[in-house]
Amino acid sequence: SVAIRDALAATGIRFIAVHLSNPPRREPFRHTSYFTDLAVGVVAGFGPLSYGLALTAAIRRLETASP
């Protein structure tokens, strides 16, 4: 949603975009994302495993972040 994108952009909250499917392999209207250009990373195409992969990435980013 454009409203969610605007809210994320306004707050500056870092996030990882998660897609259960692989959008480029789906219908053309799904190829455009309103979030990936703002995201620090994107996990896509691994089904429910995508959530775990994104969580692992988020934890590692926090562990290596400068105080």
N, C-alpha and C. Protein backbone atom coordinates (compact mmCIF):
# COMPACT_ATOMS: atom_id res chain seq x y z
N SER A 1 0.83 -1.18 0.00
CA SER A 1 0.00 0.00 0.00
C SER A 1 0.88 1.24 0.00
N VAL A 2 0.46 2.24 -0.71
CA VAL A 2 1.21 3.49 -0.77
C VAL A 2 1.21 4.18 0.59
N ALA A 3 0.12 4.08 1.33
CA ALA A 3 0.06 4.71 2.65
C ALA A 3 1.08 4.09 3.61
N ILE A 4 1.24 2.78 3.58
CA ILE A 4 2.24 2.12 4.44
C ILE A 4 3.64 2.54 4.02
N ARG A 5 3.88 2.62 2.71
CA ARG A 5 5.18 3.07 2.22
C ARG A 5 5.49 4.48 2.72
N ASP A 6 4.50 5.36 2.61
CA ASP A 6 4.69 6.74 3.06
C ASP A 6 4.99 6.80 4.55
N ALA A 7 4.31 5.97 5.34
CA ALA A 7 4.55 5.94 6.78
C ALA A 7 5.95 5.44 7.10
N LEU A 8 6.39 4.40 6.42
CA LEU A 8 7.74 3.89 6.64
C LEU A 8 8.79 4.92 6.22
N ALA A 9 8.56 5.57 5.11
CA ALA A 9 9.50 6.59 4.64
C ALA A 9 9.57 7.75 5.63
N ALA A 10 8.44 8.15 6.17
CA ALA A 10 8.39 9.28 7.10
C ALA A 10 9.06 8.98 8.43
N THR A 11 8.95 7.74 8.89
CA THR A 11 9.52 7.39 10.19
C THR A 11 11.00 7.03 10.12
N GLY A 12 11.45 6.60 8.95
CA GLY A 12 12.84 6.19 8.82
C GLY A 12 13.14 4.85 9.47
N ILE A 13 12.10 4.10 9.82
CA ILE A 13 12.30 2.78 10.42
C ILE A 13 12.92 1.84 9.39
N ARG A 14 13.99 1.19 9.78
CA ARG A 14 14.64 0.22 8.89
C ARG A 14 13.85 -1.07 8.91
N PHE A 15 13.71 -1.68 7.75
CA PHE A 15 12.94 -2.92 7.66
C PHE A 15 13.46 -3.78 6.53
N ILE A 16 13.11 -5.05 6.59
CA ILE A 16 13.43 -6.02 5.55
C ILE A 16 12.11 -6.40 4.88
N ALA A 17 12.05 -6.29 3.58
CA ALA A 17 10.86 -6.68 2.83
C ALA A 17 10.85 -8.19 2.69
N VAL A 18 9.71 -8.80 2.99
CA VAL A 18 9.58 -10.25 2.92
C VAL A 18 8.44 -10.62 1.97
N HIS A 19 8.75 -11.47 1.02
CA HIS A 19 7.75 -11.98 0.07
C HIS A 19 7.83 -13.51 0.13
N LEU A 20 6.71 -14.14 0.41
CA LEU A 20 6.71 -15.60 0.45
C LEU A 20 6.99 -16.19 -0.92
N SER A 21 6.44 -15.56 -1.94
CA SER A 21 6.68 -16.01 -3.31
C SER A 21 7.79 -15.16 -3.93
N ASN A 22 8.13 -15.45 -5.16
CA ASN A 22 9.12 -14.69 -5.89
C ASN A 22 8.36 -13.78 -6.88
N PRO A 23 8.12 -12.53 -6.51
CA PRO A 23 7.27 -11.66 -7.34
C PRO A 23 7.65 -11.59 -8.83
N PRO A 24 8.94 -11.55 -9.19
CA PRO A 24 9.26 -11.49 -10.62
C PRO A 24 8.81 -12.71 -11.42
N ARG A 25 8.54 -13.81 -10.74
CA ARG A 25 8.08 -15.02 -11.43
C ARG A 25 6.56 -15.10 -11.48
N ARG A 26 5.91 -14.09 -10.96
CA ARG A 26 4.44 -14.08 -10.93
C ARG A 26 3.88 -13.12 -11.98
N GLU A 27 2.63 -12.77 -11.84
CA GLU A 27 1.97 -11.90 -12.80
C GLU A 27 2.69 -10.55 -12.89
N PRO A 28 2.67 -9.94 -14.06
CA PRO A 28 3.38 -8.67 -14.25
C PRO A 28 3.02 -7.58 -13.24
N PHE A 29 1.75 -7.51 -12.83
CA PHE A 29 1.39 -6.44 -11.89
C PHE A 29 2.04 -6.62 -10.53
N ARG A 30 2.56 -7.81 -10.24
CA ARG A 30 3.24 -8.04 -8.96
C ARG A 30 4.73 -7.71 -9.03
N HIS A 31 5.24 -7.36 -10.18
CA HIS A 31 6.67 -7.09 -10.34
C HIS A 31 7.09 -5.76 -9.71
N THR A 32 6.15 -4.87 -9.52
CA THR A 32 6.46 -3.57 -8.93
C THR A 32 6.22 -3.61 -7.43
N SER A 33 7.23 -3.27 -6.67
CA SER A 33 7.10 -3.21 -5.22
C SER A 33 7.18 -1.76 -4.78
N TYR A 34 6.35 -1.40 -3.82
CA TYR A 34 6.39 -0.06 -3.26
C TYR A 34 7.34 0.05 -2.08
N PHE A 35 7.98 -1.06 -1.73
CA PHE A 35 8.78 -1.08 -0.51
C PHE A 35 10.26 -1.36 -0.71
N THR A 36 10.63 -2.12 -1.72
CA THR A 36 12.01 -2.61 -1.80
C THR A 36 13.04 -1.50 -1.92
N ASP A 37 12.68 -0.37 -2.49
CA ASP A 37 13.67 0.71 -2.58
C ASP A 37 13.94 1.36 -1.23
N LEU A 38 13.05 1.17 -0.27
CA LEU A 38 13.26 1.69 1.09
C LEU A 38 13.88 0.66 2.02
N ALA A 39 13.73 -0.61 1.68
CA ALA A 39 14.15 -1.70 2.57
C ALA A 39 15.67 -1.82 2.63
N VAL A 40 16.17 -2.29 3.78
CA VAL A 40 17.60 -2.56 3.91
C VAL A 40 17.95 -3.89 3.26
N GLY A 41 16.92 -4.71 3.00
CA GLY A 41 17.12 -5.98 2.34
C GLY A 41 15.79 -6.57 1.92
N VAL A 42 15.87 -7.58 1.08
CA VAL A 42 14.66 -8.24 0.58
C VAL A 42 14.88 -9.75 0.63
N VAL A 43 13.92 -10.47 1.17
CA VAL A 43 13.93 -11.93 1.16
C VAL A 43 12.68 -12.34 0.39
N ALA A 44 12.86 -13.16 -0.64
CA ALA A 44 11.71 -13.53 -1.46
C ALA A 44 11.85 -14.95 -1.99
N GLY A 45 10.70 -15.61 -2.11
CA GLY A 45 10.65 -16.86 -2.82
C GLY A 45 10.90 -18.13 -2.02
N PHE A 46 10.98 -18.04 -0.72
CA PHE A 46 11.26 -19.22 0.09
C PHE A 46 10.07 -19.67 0.91
N GLY A 47 8.89 -19.23 0.55
CA GLY A 47 7.69 -19.61 1.29
C GLY A 47 7.79 -19.15 2.73
N PRO A 48 7.21 -19.91 3.66
CA PRO A 48 7.24 -19.52 5.08
C PRO A 48 8.67 -19.38 5.63
N LEU A 49 9.62 -20.06 5.03
CA LEU A 49 11.02 -19.94 5.46
C LEU A 49 11.53 -18.51 5.31
N SER A 50 10.91 -17.73 4.43
CA SER A 50 11.31 -16.34 4.22
C SER A 50 11.30 -15.53 5.52
N TYR A 51 10.30 -15.79 6.37
CA TYR A 51 10.23 -15.05 7.64
C TYR A 51 11.43 -15.36 8.53
N GLY A 52 11.80 -16.61 8.63
CA GLY A 52 12.95 -16.98 9.44
C GLY A 52 14.25 -16.41 8.89
N LEU A 53 14.39 -16.43 7.56
CA LEU A 53 15.58 -15.86 6.94
C LEU A 53 15.68 -14.36 7.20
N ALA A 54 14.56 -13.68 7.10
CA ALA A 54 14.55 -12.23 7.36
C ALA A 54 14.86 -11.94 8.83
N LEU A 55 14.33 -12.74 9.72
CA LEU A 55 14.61 -12.56 11.15
C LEU A 55 16.09 -12.79 11.44
N THR A 56 16.66 -13.81 10.85
CA THR A 56 18.10 -14.06 11.02
C THR A 56 18.91 -12.87 10.52
N ALA A 57 18.54 -12.34 9.36
CA ALA A 57 19.25 -11.17 8.82
C ALA A 57 19.10 -9.97 9.74
N ALA A 58 17.90 -9.74 10.27
CA ALA A 58 17.68 -8.60 11.16
C ALA A 58 18.52 -8.73 12.43
N ILE A 59 18.56 -9.91 13.00
CA ILE A 59 19.36 -10.14 14.21
C ILE A 59 20.84 -9.89 13.92
N ARG A 60 21.33 -10.39 12.82
CA ARG A 60 22.75 -10.19 12.49
C ARG A 60 23.06 -8.72 12.26
N ARG A 61 22.14 -7.99 11.63
CA ARG A 61 22.36 -6.55 11.43
C ARG A 61 22.43 -5.85 12.78
N LEU A 62 21.56 -6.23 13.72
CA LEU A 62 21.58 -5.61 15.04
C LEU A 62 22.87 -5.95 15.79
N GLU A 63 23.32 -7.17 15.65
CA GLU A 63 24.54 -7.61 16.36
C GLU A 63 25.78 -6.87 15.85
N THR A 64 25.78 -6.51 14.58
CA THR A 64 26.95 -5.87 14.00
C THR A 64 26.82 -4.35 13.90
N ALA A 65 25.69 -3.81 14.35
CA ALA A 65 25.46 -2.36 14.27
C ALA A 65 26.35 -1.64 15.26
N SER A 66 26.77 -0.46 14.88
CA SER A 66 27.56 0.38 15.80
C SER A 66 26.64 0.96 16.86
N PRO A 67 27.12 1.05 18.10
CA PRO A 67 26.29 1.62 19.18
C PRO A 67 26.03 3.08 19.00
